[in-house]
Amino acid sequence: MNWGKSMLLPVLTAGMALSAYCQSTETKSIKIEEIDKNFQQAKVGGKDVSYKDALQTPFVLSGFPWRDPEKVFNRLPAAFTDKDVNPGALSLSRHSTGGAIRFRTDSPYIALRAELAYSSDMNHMPRAGSAGFDLYRGSGAAIRYCKTVQPGRDQKQIEIMMVNGGSKQMTDYTLYLPLYGSAAKIEIGLAPDAKVEAPTPQATARPVLFYGSSITQGGCASRPGNAYTTMLCRAVDAPQINLGFSGSGKGEIAVARAIAGLELAAFVMDYDHNAPTPEYLKQTHEPFFKAIREKQPDLPVIIMSKCDFYGSKDNIARRDIIRQTYENAVKAGDKHVWFIDGETLFGKEDRDACTVDSCHPNDLGFYRMYKTVLPVLNEAISADKKDK
């Protein structure tokens, strides 16, 4: 065939167009971090950091048994309304107290990037406790404190290095969430080449659930890891479910029925403070206990009266009502119930040094509560494991 200039021109033009298309495609190639957010990197403290969503696997979130995709940190069933529970409890159920994120990594450094949804700035409680995060290293008896994130007043965006200069060995970490606030987003930052996997299983697989007042919620611990409920769960190496509601743990039967539907290692019942009167406490306390006991006859239950006991007529009346619930259970043959007299929780010496306002414990008060309750909780969990 005789190829003239007229025949070559279309061929050359098509070839040039194809080459230009290929070059254009290469230029516009999509970066992997735009496709997969787990590959996103940032600089924190001069370190290259790859952020991962802490609410996705292999991270493990605990503390929210009725977890709803749209209300991740809600501590009560999403279906609850003010017909089931008082408005205060509904509002406070959005606070993330008792929540923890656990994971295992060999990253030599760990950063936190979070967006606070809201926080409470109170006169009698450090912001590090109400809105802060606590990071612990290790697992079981070897768990140790690392660092606290202390947000500033009205601060919503957090980005901070929490561990720097780690061993590069696979290590467990636990991040405790705010006591009187919550987060809209939580990301864990690791070295780009670091491994991350599910944490070491806890010795007590089922959670310990606490129901009660602002003291149960953690007021007024200086940081999340110092709430007595959290200290207890660290000691027995168990997940925690914290149903403490400031001024709003009032013993509604709907809450008892919801608790009764959960698989638990133990239940600690401590809402003395939030019963408006001794009469109200008498009307609700034993029915609340029985609603749980009917569904779970062998669940270890620890019944407590309030810690700030000063011997008043009202204090004595309340303690007698709570003790009566316990004694009636024992008389009925219940072998899985314990009673702790709140007067013993702060010990005998320097009781006035245990609170910030004659009511809410400080760190010393919470530590003494922890030391008093721990032997009973250990006995309860050990007895439950033997039975099973």
Protein backbone atom coordinates (compact mmCIF):
# COMPACT_ATOMS: atom_id res chain seq x y z
CA MET A 1 0.00 0.00 0.00
CA ASN A 2 1.24 3.52 -0.78
CA TRP A 3 1.22 5.55 2.48
CA GLY A 4 1.12 9.22 1.70
CA LYS A 5 1.15 12.22 4.02
CA SER A 6 -2.65 12.32 3.99
CA MET A 7 -2.81 8.75 5.39
CA LEU A 8 -0.12 9.28 8.08
CA LEU A 9 -1.62 12.41 9.61
CA PRO A 10 -4.71 10.77 11.23
CA VAL A 11 -2.54 7.96 12.60
CA LEU A 12 -0.03 10.36 14.15
CA THR A 13 -2.82 12.51 15.57
CA ALA A 14 -4.53 9.52 17.19
CA GLY A 15 -1.24 8.35 18.71
CA MET A 16 -0.51 11.77 20.16
CA ALA A 17 -4.03 11.95 21.63
CA LEU A 18 -3.61 8.53 23.26
CA SER A 19 -0.27 9.55 24.76
CA ALA A 20 -1.73 12.77 26.09
CA TYR A 21 -4.65 10.86 27.64
CA CYS A 22 -2.31 8.43 29.40
CA GLN A 23 -0.19 11.26 30.77
CA SER A 24 -3.33 13.07 31.94
CA THR A 25 -4.59 9.93 33.70
CA GLU A 26 -1.27 9.45 35.49
CA THR A 27 -1.25 13.08 36.59
CA LYS A 28 -4.76 12.80 38.05
CA SER A 29 -4.21 9.49 39.86
CA ILE A 30 -5.93 9.39 43.27
CA LYS A 31 -3.72 9.10 46.34
CA ILE A 32 -4.41 6.16 48.65
CA GLU A 33 -5.03 8.45 51.65
CA GLU A 34 -7.89 10.06 49.72
CA ILE A 35 -9.51 6.65 49.29
CA ASP A 36 -8.75 5.15 52.72
CA LYS A 37 -8.76 7.58 55.66
CA ASN A 38 -6.65 5.13 57.64
CA PHE A 39 -3.69 6.21 55.51
CA GLN A 40 -4.08 9.91 56.30
CA GLN A 41 -0.95 11.39 57.82
CA ALA A 42 -0.21 14.48 59.86
CA LYS A 43 2.67 16.03 61.78
CA VAL A 44 2.43 16.08 65.58
CA GLY A 45 5.43 17.16 67.59
CA GLY A 46 7.62 16.75 64.52
CA LYS A 47 6.50 13.12 64.05
CA ASP A 48 4.72 11.63 61.04
CA VAL A 49 1.40 10.34 62.33
CA SER A 50 -1.15 8.09 60.65
CA TYR A 51 -4.61 8.57 62.19
CA LYS A 52 -7.15 5.78 62.61
CA ASP A 53 -10.79 5.96 63.65
CA ALA A 54 -10.88 4.71 67.25
CA LEU A 55 -14.47 3.51 66.87
CA GLN A 56 -13.54 0.98 64.18
CA THR A 57 -11.84 -2.40 64.49
CA PRO A 58 -9.35 -3.44 65.71
CA PHE A 59 -9.99 -0.85 68.43
CA VAL A 60 -12.42 -2.07 71.11
CA LEU A 61 -14.94 0.34 72.65
CA SER A 62 -16.57 -0.61 75.97
CA GLY A 63 -19.02 1.07 78.32
CA PHE A 64 -22.03 1.46 76.02
CA PRO A 65 -24.12 -1.73 76.12
CA TRP A 66 -27.03 -0.34 74.08
CA ARG A 67 -24.76 1.16 71.44
CA ASP A 68 -26.62 2.96 68.68
CA PRO A 69 -24.81 3.90 65.42
CA GLU A 70 -26.22 7.41 65.60
CA LYS A 71 -25.64 7.82 69.36
CA VAL A 72 -22.40 5.94 69.92
CA PHE A 73 -21.72 7.23 73.44
CA ASN A 74 -25.27 7.03 74.77
CA ARG A 75 -25.34 5.15 78.09
CA LEU A 76 -29.06 4.39 78.05
CA PRO A 77 -31.18 2.60 75.42
CA ALA A 78 -31.85 4.94 72.50
CA ALA A 79 -35.57 4.15 72.72
CA PHE A 80 -35.87 5.61 76.23
CA THR A 81 -38.05 8.72 76.61
CA ASP A 82 -39.04 10.88 79.58
CA LYS A 83 -41.79 8.33 80.19
CA ASP A 84 -39.11 5.78 81.08
CA VAL A 85 -36.60 7.93 82.94
CA ASN A 86 -36.30 11.50 84.21
CA PRO A 87 -35.06 14.24 81.81
CA GLY A 88 -31.83 14.69 83.78
CA ALA A 89 -30.80 11.08 83.21
CA LEU A 90 -31.72 11.32 79.53
CA SER A 91 -29.48 14.35 79.12
CA LEU A 92 -26.59 12.95 81.17
CA SER A 93 -26.75 9.62 79.33
CA ARG A 94 -24.85 11.37 76.51
CA HIS A 95 -21.84 11.78 78.80
CA SER A 96 -19.16 9.18 78.13
CA THR A 97 -18.20 8.30 81.72
CA GLY A 98 -17.07 4.69 82.10
CA GLY A 99 -16.25 4.46 78.40
CA ALA A 100 -12.88 3.12 77.30
CA ILE A 101 -11.07 2.43 74.03
CA ARG A 102 -8.57 -0.42 74.12
CA PHE A 103 -6.00 -1.49 71.53
CA ARG A 104 -2.56 -3.03 71.09
CA THR A 105 0.27 -1.53 69.03
CA ASP A 106 4.04 -1.46 68.53
CA SER A 107 4.06 2.24 67.65
CA PRO A 108 6.84 4.12 69.51
CA TYR A 109 4.53 7.12 69.78
CA ILE A 110 0.77 7.62 70.11
CA ALA A 111 -1.24 10.76 69.43
CA LEU A 112 -4.86 11.65 70.11
CA ARG A 113 -7.01 13.73 67.79
CA ALA A 114 -10.52 14.36 69.06
CA GLU A 115 -13.43 16.70 68.69
CA LEU A 116 -15.37 17.33 71.89
CA ALA A 117 -19.13 17.29 71.46
CA TYR A 118 -19.66 19.19 74.71
CA SER A 119 -18.16 19.43 78.17
CA SER A 120 -19.14 20.66 81.62
CA ASP A 121 -17.06 23.35 83.27
CA MET A 122 -17.83 23.12 87.00
CA ASN A 123 -16.52 25.08 89.95
CA HIS A 124 -15.76 22.06 92.09
CA MET A 125 -14.24 19.65 89.53
CA PRO A 126 -11.06 19.85 87.44
CA ARG A 127 -11.61 20.14 83.69
CA ALA A 128 -9.10 17.30 83.28
CA GLY A 129 -11.71 15.05 84.92
CA SER A 130 -14.90 16.42 83.44
CA ALA A 131 -13.66 16.83 79.83
CA GLY A 132 -10.27 15.11 79.75
CA PHE A 133 -8.94 11.76 78.56
CA ASP A 134 -6.63 9.35 80.42
CA LEU A 135 -4.25 6.93 78.71
CA TYR A 136 -2.94 3.80 80.47
CA ARG A 137 -0.28 1.35 79.24
CA GLY A 138 -0.28 -2.43 79.78
CA SER A 139 -2.98 -4.88 80.81
CA GLY A 140 -4.13 -6.80 83.85
CA ALA A 141 -2.04 -6.25 86.97
CA ALA A 142 0.67 -4.55 84.87
CA ILE A 143 -1.49 -1.63 83.70
CA ARG A 144 0.09 1.77 84.42
CA TYR A 145 -0.86 5.43 83.97
CA CYS A 146 0.65 7.30 80.99
CA LYS A 147 -0.87 10.73 80.44
CA THR A 148 -3.92 12.96 80.84
CA VAL A 149 -5.30 15.24 78.14
CA GLN A 150 -6.49 18.48 79.77
CA PRO A 151 -8.64 20.56 77.41
CA GLY A 152 -8.74 24.31 77.87
CA ARG A 153 -11.91 26.23 78.59
CA ASP A 154 -14.28 26.03 75.59
CA GLN A 155 -11.69 23.99 73.64
CA LYS A 156 -13.33 21.61 71.18
CA GLN A 157 -10.48 20.45 68.93
CA ILE A 158 -7.72 18.34 70.50
CA GLU A 159 -4.51 17.10 68.88
CA ILE A 160 -1.74 15.99 71.20
CA MET A 161 1.09 13.47 71.52
CA MET A 162 0.32 11.13 74.42
CA VAL A 163 3.22 8.68 74.20
CA ASN A 164 6.67 9.48 72.80
CA GLY A 165 9.63 7.13 72.87
CA GLY A 166 7.86 3.81 73.38
CA SER A 167 9.57 0.42 73.27
CA LYS A 168 8.40 -0.59 69.75
CA GLN A 169 7.11 -3.81 71.32
CA MET A 170 3.44 -4.82 71.03
CA THR A 171 1.80 -3.14 74.02
CA ASP A 172 -1.77 -2.76 75.27
CA TYR A 173 -3.27 0.70 75.77
CA THR A 174 -6.52 1.90 77.35
CA LEU A 175 -7.96 5.36 76.72
CA TYR A 176 -10.57 6.44 79.29
CA LEU A 177 -13.19 8.92 78.05
CA PRO A 178 -14.47 12.13 79.72
CA LEU A 179 -16.65 11.86 82.83
CA TYR A 180 -18.87 14.90 82.28
CA GLY A 181 -18.77 15.41 78.54
CA SER A 182 -18.28 13.45 75.36
CA ALA A 183 -16.65 13.46 71.94
CA ALA A 184 -18.00 13.73 68.43
CA LYS A 185 -14.87 12.13 66.98
CA ILE A 186 -11.88 10.21 68.36
CA GLU A 187 -8.83 9.18 66.35
CA ILE A 188 -5.66 7.43 67.47
CA GLY A 189 -2.44 8.49 65.74
CA LEU A 190 0.39 5.97 65.27
CA ALA A 191 3.67 5.77 63.39
CA PRO A 192 2.86 5.15 59.68
CA ASP A 193 4.51 1.70 59.67
CA ALA A 194 3.17 0.60 63.08
CA LYS A 195 0.96 -2.41 63.63
CA VAL A 196 -2.34 -2.15 65.53
CA GLU A 197 -4.50 -5.04 66.65
CA ALA A 198 -7.23 -5.99 69.11
CA PRO A 199 -6.22 -5.74 72.78
CA THR A 200 -5.39 -8.61 75.09
CA PRO A 201 -8.68 -10.12 76.38
CA GLN A 202 -9.56 -8.98 79.88
CA ALA A 203 -9.46 -11.46 82.77
CA THR A 204 -13.10 -10.74 83.56
CA ALA A 205 -14.84 -10.74 80.20
CA ARG A 206 -18.27 -9.51 81.28
CA PRO A 207 -18.59 -5.93 82.54
CA VAL A 208 -19.20 -4.63 86.04
CA LEU A 209 -22.18 -2.25 85.99
CA PHE A 210 -22.60 0.65 88.45
CA TYR A 211 -25.88 2.50 88.91
CA GLY A 212 -26.16 5.65 90.95
CA SER A 213 -25.55 9.36 91.40
CA SER A 214 -22.99 12.03 90.50
CA ILE A 215 -20.48 10.20 92.70
CA THR A 216 -20.97 7.11 90.55
CA GLN A 217 -20.60 9.25 87.42
CA GLY A 218 -17.18 10.37 88.69
CA GLY A 219 -17.73 13.69 90.43
CA CYS A 220 -15.29 15.06 91.43
CA ALA A 221 -12.28 12.97 90.31
CA SER A 222 -9.31 14.95 89.01
CA ARG A 223 -9.14 12.73 85.92
CA PRO A 224 -11.15 9.83 84.43
CA GLY A 225 -8.83 7.08 85.67
CA ASN A 226 -9.31 8.15 89.29
CA ALA A 227 -13.06 7.56 89.57
CA TYR A 228 -13.60 4.74 92.08
CA THR A 229 -15.60 2.73 89.53
CA THR A 230 -12.73 2.86 87.05
CA MET A 231 -10.14 1.95 89.67
CA LEU A 232 -12.24 -1.08 90.61
CA CYS A 233 -12.59 -2.26 87.02
CA ARG A 234 -8.85 -1.86 86.45
CA ALA A 235 -8.16 -3.93 89.56
CA VAL A 236 -10.44 -6.81 88.52
CA ASP A 237 -9.52 -6.34 84.82
CA ALA A 238 -13.11 -6.00 83.64
CA PRO A 239 -15.00 -3.68 81.29
CA GLN A 240 -17.10 -1.02 83.02
CA ILE A 241 -20.65 0.16 82.43
CA ASN A 242 -21.26 3.37 84.34
CA LEU A 243 -24.88 4.40 84.82
CA GLY A 244 -24.16 7.27 87.18
CA PHE A 245 -26.36 10.32 86.58
CA SER A 246 -25.76 13.49 88.58
CA GLY A 247 -28.88 14.22 90.62
CA SER A 248 -30.82 11.89 88.33
CA GLY A 249 -30.22 8.27 89.35
CA LYS A 250 -33.70 7.86 90.81
CA GLY A 251 -34.35 4.15 90.59
CA GLU A 252 -36.84 4.07 87.72
CA ILE A 253 -38.02 0.54 87.06
CA ALA A 254 -37.36 0.87 83.30
CA VAL A 255 -33.65 1.24 84.04
CA ALA A 256 -33.70 -1.86 86.26
CA ARG A 257 -35.36 -3.89 83.51
CA ALA A 258 -32.81 -2.71 80.96
CA ILE A 259 -29.96 -3.67 83.31
CA ALA A 260 -31.57 -7.08 83.87
CA GLY A 261 -31.23 -7.84 80.17
CA LEU A 262 -27.42 -7.53 80.18
CA GLU A 263 -24.76 -10.18 80.78
CA LEU A 264 -22.72 -8.84 83.70
CA ALA A 265 -19.94 -9.95 86.02
CA ALA A 266 -21.45 -7.93 88.89
CA PHE A 267 -23.86 -5.08 89.61
CA VAL A 268 -23.19 -2.28 92.12
CA MET A 269 -26.38 -0.46 93.23
CA ASP A 270 -25.74 2.97 94.76
CA TYR A 271 -28.43 5.59 94.11
CA ASP A 272 -29.08 6.60 97.74
CA HIS A 273 -28.07 10.23 97.05
CA ASN A 274 -30.60 10.82 94.28
CA ALA A 275 -33.70 9.53 96.04
CA PRO A 276 -35.42 12.83 97.00
CA THR A 277 -36.66 11.51 100.38
CA PRO A 278 -36.35 8.38 102.53
CA GLU A 279 -39.95 7.61 101.59
CA TYR A 280 -39.11 7.70 97.88
CA LEU A 281 -36.09 5.47 98.52
CA LYS A 282 -38.29 2.95 100.35
CA GLN A 283 -40.80 2.90 97.49
CA THR A 284 -38.18 2.28 94.79
CA HIS A 285 -35.12 0.56 96.26
CA GLU A 286 -36.30 -3.01 96.83
CA PRO A 287 -38.50 -3.07 93.68
CA PHE A 288 -35.46 -1.97 91.65
CA PHE A 289 -33.38 -4.80 93.13
CA LYS A 290 -36.15 -7.36 92.63
CA ALA A 291 -36.68 -6.37 88.98
CA ILE A 292 -33.07 -7.36 88.31
CA ARG A 293 -33.09 -10.39 90.57
CA GLU A 294 -36.19 -11.85 88.89
CA LYS A 295 -34.37 -12.00 85.56
CA GLN A 296 -30.91 -12.83 86.96
CA PRO A 297 -31.17 -14.85 90.18
CA ASP A 298 -27.43 -15.55 90.33
CA LEU A 299 -26.01 -12.16 89.37
CA PRO A 300 -23.65 -10.85 92.09
CA VAL A 301 -25.22 -7.64 93.44
CA ILE A 302 -23.47 -5.23 95.80
CA ILE A 303 -25.83 -2.82 97.56
CA MET A 304 -24.30 0.36 99.00
CA SER A 305 -25.49 3.30 101.06
CA LYS A 306 -24.01 6.76 100.49
CA CYS A 307 -20.40 7.53 101.36
CA ASP A 308 -20.89 10.96 102.96
CA PHE A 309 -22.61 9.59 106.07
CA TYR A 310 -22.71 12.05 108.97
CA GLY A 311 -25.10 10.30 111.37
CA SER A 312 -28.13 12.53 110.82
CA LYS A 313 -31.65 11.17 111.24
CA ASP A 314 -32.10 11.26 107.46
CA ASN A 315 -28.77 9.45 106.87
CA ILE A 316 -29.70 6.69 109.33
CA ALA A 317 -33.19 6.26 107.86
CA ARG A 318 -31.78 5.88 104.35
CA ARG A 319 -29.14 3.38 105.42
CA ASP A 320 -31.76 1.30 107.25
CA ILE A 321 -33.95 1.17 104.12
CA ILE A 322 -31.04 0.01 101.97
CA ARG A 323 -29.89 -2.53 104.53
CA GLN A 324 -33.45 -3.88 104.69
CA THR A 325 -33.39 -4.65 100.96
CA TYR A 326 -30.23 -6.69 101.56
CA GLU A 327 -31.57 -8.47 104.68
CA ASN A 328 -34.84 -9.38 102.96
CA ALA A 329 -32.88 -10.90 100.08
CA VAL A 330 -30.71 -12.96 102.43
CA LYS A 331 -33.77 -14.16 104.36
CA ALA A 332 -35.27 -15.26 101.05
CA GLY A 333 -32.21 -17.44 100.41
CA ASP A 334 -30.25 -15.11 98.13
CA LYS A 335 -26.56 -16.10 98.25
CA HIS A 336 -25.38 -13.60 95.64
CA VAL A 337 -25.94 -10.30 97.41
CA TRP A 338 -23.60 -8.11 99.51
CA PHE A 339 -24.14 -4.94 101.57
CA ILE A 340 -21.59 -2.16 102.12
CA ASP A 341 -22.33 0.44 104.77
CA GLY A 342 -21.52 3.83 103.24
CA GLU A 343 -20.19 5.05 106.58
CA THR A 344 -17.18 2.77 106.08
CA LEU A 345 -16.26 3.98 102.58
CA PHE A 346 -14.06 6.92 103.64
CA GLY A 347 -12.49 5.09 106.58
CA LYS A 348 -12.27 6.43 110.12
CA GLU A 349 -9.45 8.97 109.91
CA ASP A 350 -9.53 12.36 108.19
CA ARG A 351 -12.93 11.79 106.63
CA ASP A 352 -13.19 15.55 106.10
CA ALA A 353 -10.26 15.34 103.68
CA CYS A 354 -12.16 12.98 101.36
CA THR A 355 -14.51 15.42 99.62
CA VAL A 356 -14.43 18.78 97.86
CA ASP A 357 -17.77 20.00 99.26
CA SER A 358 -18.74 17.61 102.10
CA CYS A 359 -20.40 15.42 99.47
CA HIS A 360 -18.47 14.67 96.26
CA PRO A 361 -15.25 12.69 96.75
CA ASN A 362 -11.89 14.03 95.68
CA ASP A 363 -9.16 11.61 94.61
CA LEU A 364 -8.46 10.60 98.22
CA GLY A 365 -12.14 9.89 98.80
CA PHE A 366 -12.42 7.83 95.62
CA TYR A 367 -9.26 5.91 96.49
CA ARG A 368 -10.66 5.00 99.91
CA MET A 369 -13.96 3.96 98.36
CA TYR A 370 -12.05 1.76 95.92
CA LYS A 371 -10.01 0.13 98.70
CA THR A 372 -13.16 -0.59 100.72
CA VAL A 373 -15.24 -1.99 97.86
CA LEU A 374 -12.49 -4.02 96.14
CA PRO A 375 -12.43 -7.02 98.56
CA VAL A 376 -16.21 -7.34 98.26
CA LEU A 377 -16.14 -7.06 94.48
CA ASN A 378 -13.35 -9.64 94.28
CA GLU A 379 -15.39 -12.03 96.44
CA ALA A 380 -18.50 -11.47 94.36
CA ILE A 381 -16.75 -12.08 91.02
CA SER A 382 -14.83 -15.10 92.36
CA ALA A 383 -18.02 -16.67 93.67
CA ASP A 384 -19.73 -16.06 90.35
CA LYS A 385 -16.86 -17.69 88.39
CA LYS A 386 -16.95 -20.75 90.66
CA ASP A 387 -20.69 -21.13 90.12
CA LYS A 388 -20.18 -21.09 86.36
